[in-house]
């Protein structure tokens, strides 16, 4: 058994937990509702289709007591999920395993303990083919907050 495990480890066939990736974030004093509207508008203006909007803040507020939560985390927190055929094709032609990153997401939130500050951001992707995705997301976010 020991030799089998060693062989599998050497071959890279044993799953290991993925390390957490960093996020690229921007803070603004623009209201969270205005930033959410602007992010949605910027995504649509690029001709992209929003597959899903996850209302994470509402879900956490709704289930707080059920799961033993003791504090409010957000006043509002939404995550937009979408893809780009053009950018995705380039990333996946470079490495078909890049499918794991699609759909791409942008999050927007206002913390309950920091009202008046809106945070908007996205995942930091690996260097290389995913840089085009990161550039697209950064373009959407910075346009939404007027940078």
Protein backbone atom coordinates (compact mmCIF):
# COMPACT_ATOMS: atom_id res chain seq x y z
CA UNK A 1 0.00 0.00 0.00
CA UNK A 2 2.79 2.42 0.91
CA UNK A 3 4.40 2.03 -2.51
CA UNK A 4 1.04 2.60 -4.22
CA UNK A 5 0.49 5.86 -2.32
CA UNK A 6 4.05 7.00 -3.08
CA UNK A 7 3.57 6.19 -6.75
CA UNK A 8 0.25 8.05 -6.86
CA UNK A 9 1.76 11.07 -5.11
CA UNK A 10 4.71 11.04 -7.52
CA UNK A 11 2.32 10.84 -10.46
CA UNK A 12 0.25 13.72 -9.07
CA UNK A 13 -2.88 11.60 -8.91
CA UNK A 14 -3.89 12.24 -5.32
CA UNK A 15 -6.13 15.23 -4.87
CA UNK A 16 -4.80 17.93 -2.61
CA UNK A 17 -6.72 20.92 -1.35
CA UNK A 18 -6.38 23.97 -3.57
CA UNK A 19 -4.75 26.96 -2.01
CA UNK A 20 -7.03 29.95 -1.66
CA UNK A 21 -6.59 32.56 -4.31
CA UNK A 22 -6.43 36.23 -3.58
CA UNK A 23 -9.06 38.72 -4.63
CA UNK A 24 -8.59 42.03 -6.35
CA UNK A 25 -10.81 44.58 -4.65
CA UNK A 26 -11.69 48.24 -4.86
CA UNK A 27 -13.46 50.30 -2.19
CA UNK A 28 -15.66 53.30 -2.87
CA UNK A 29 -18.04 55.55 -0.98
CA UNK A 30 -20.57 55.18 -3.81
CA UNK A 31 -23.70 53.46 -2.49
CA UNK A 32 -23.79 49.69 -2.78
CA UNK A 33 -27.02 49.86 -4.79
CA UNK A 34 -25.45 52.26 -7.30
CA UNK A 35 -22.35 50.05 -7.64
CA UNK A 36 -24.49 46.94 -8.14
CA UNK A 37 -26.44 48.74 -10.86
CA UNK A 38 -23.22 49.99 -12.48
CA UNK A 39 -21.57 46.55 -12.45
CA UNK A 40 -24.65 44.98 -14.03
CA UNK A 41 -24.78 47.76 -16.62
CA UNK A 42 -21.08 47.40 -17.50
CA UNK A 43 -21.39 43.63 -17.94
CA UNK A 44 -24.39 44.05 -20.23
CA UNK A 45 -22.75 46.93 -22.13
CA UNK A 46 -19.96 44.51 -23.12
CA UNK A 47 -22.60 42.29 -24.73
CA UNK A 48 -22.23 39.65 -22.02
CA UNK A 49 -25.07 37.68 -20.49
CA UNK A 50 -25.36 37.44 -16.72
CA UNK A 51 -26.01 33.78 -15.98
CA UNK A 52 -26.87 34.29 -12.34
CA UNK A 53 -26.91 36.86 -9.59
CA UNK A 54 -26.35 35.28 -6.20
CA UNK A 55 -27.80 37.34 -3.37
CA UNK A 56 -25.33 36.08 -0.77
CA UNK A 57 -26.08 38.83 1.73
CA UNK A 58 -29.81 38.06 1.73
CA UNK A 59 -29.15 34.32 2.12
CA UNK A 60 -26.79 34.85 5.06
CA UNK A 61 -29.25 37.21 6.77
CA UNK A 62 -32.15 34.81 6.19
CA UNK A 63 -30.28 31.78 7.57
CA UNK A 64 -28.29 33.50 10.35
CA UNK A 65 -30.29 32.07 13.25
CA UNK A 66 -30.71 28.65 11.62
CA UNK A 67 -26.94 28.10 11.45
CA UNK A 68 -26.02 29.72 14.77
CA UNK A 69 -24.84 33.04 13.34
CA UNK A 70 -24.32 35.77 15.88
CA UNK A 71 -23.82 38.88 13.79
CA UNK A 72 -24.90 40.54 10.58
CA UNK A 73 -22.12 40.41 7.99
CA UNK A 74 -23.42 42.56 5.14
CA UNK A 75 -26.07 45.14 4.49
CA UNK A 76 -25.98 43.93 0.89
CA UNK A 77 -23.81 41.37 -0.90
CA UNK A 78 -24.31 40.14 -4.46
CA UNK A 79 -22.20 38.05 -6.83
CA UNK A 80 -22.62 38.29 -10.62
CA UNK A 81 -21.74 35.17 -12.65
CA UNK A 82 -21.17 35.45 -16.40
CA UNK A 83 -18.87 34.35 -19.20
CA UNK A 84 -17.40 35.77 -22.38
CA UNK A 85 -17.23 33.54 -25.44
CA UNK A 86 -14.29 35.47 -26.89
CA UNK A 87 -12.18 35.71 -23.74
CA UNK A 88 -13.10 32.20 -22.61
CA UNK A 89 -12.16 30.67 -25.97
CA UNK A 90 -8.71 32.29 -25.84
CA UNK A 91 -8.13 31.13 -22.26
CA UNK A 92 -9.35 27.60 -22.92
CA UNK A 93 -7.50 27.21 -26.21
CA UNK A 94 -4.33 28.05 -24.28
CA UNK A 95 -5.24 25.46 -21.62
CA UNK A 96 -8.47 23.47 -21.72
CA UNK A 97 -8.28 23.11 -17.92
CA UNK A 98 -9.06 26.83 -17.65
CA UNK A 99 -12.70 25.78 -17.93
CA UNK A 100 -12.53 25.48 -14.14
CA UNK A 101 -12.66 29.28 -13.85
CA UNK A 102 -15.81 29.76 -15.92
CA UNK A 103 -18.20 31.39 -15.19
CA UNK A 104 -16.33 34.45 -13.99
CA UNK A 105 -17.67 36.38 -11.04
CA UNK A 106 -17.69 39.91 -9.70
CA UNK A 107 -18.79 40.51 -6.13
CA UNK A 108 -20.18 43.69 -4.59
CA UNK A 109 -20.83 44.16 -0.89
CA UNK A 110 -21.23 46.58 1.96
CA UNK A 111 -20.25 45.24 5.37
CA UNK A 112 -22.67 45.69 8.24
CA UNK A 113 -19.85 47.01 10.41
CA UNK A 114 -18.66 49.48 7.75
CA UNK A 115 -21.76 51.09 6.22
CA UNK A 116 -21.04 53.61 3.51
CA UNK A 117 -18.08 51.71 2.09
CA UNK A 118 -18.79 49.51 -0.91
CA UNK A 119 -16.31 46.83 -1.91
CA UNK A 120 -16.29 45.43 -5.43
CA UNK A 121 -13.90 42.85 -6.79
CA UNK A 122 -13.07 39.56 -8.41
CA UNK A 123 -10.77 36.60 -8.10
CA UNK A 124 -7.08 37.00 -8.94
CA UNK A 125 -6.40 34.48 -11.70
CA UNK A 126 -3.10 32.75 -12.49
CA UNK A 127 -0.63 34.46 -14.81
CA UNK A 128 -0.70 33.54 -18.47
CA UNK A 129 -3.84 32.84 -20.44
CA UNK A 130 -6.14 33.95 -17.62
CA UNK A 131 -4.69 37.47 -17.64
CA UNK A 132 -7.12 38.43 -20.42
CA UNK A 133 -10.02 37.38 -18.16
CA UNK A 134 -8.61 39.36 -15.26
CA UNK A 135 -8.16 42.41 -17.50
CA UNK A 136 -11.80 42.16 -18.64
CA UNK A 137 -13.05 41.94 -15.06
CA UNK A 138 -10.87 44.83 -13.97
CA UNK A 139 -12.18 46.92 -16.87
CA UNK A 140 -15.79 46.21 -15.84
CA UNK A 141 -15.16 46.98 -12.17
CA UNK A 142 -13.16 50.15 -12.66
CA UNK A 143 -15.70 51.49 -15.16
CA UNK A 144 -18.50 50.71 -12.71
CA UNK A 145 -16.88 52.75 -9.95
CA UNK A 146 -15.70 55.53 -12.25
CA UNK A 147 -11.97 54.94 -12.12
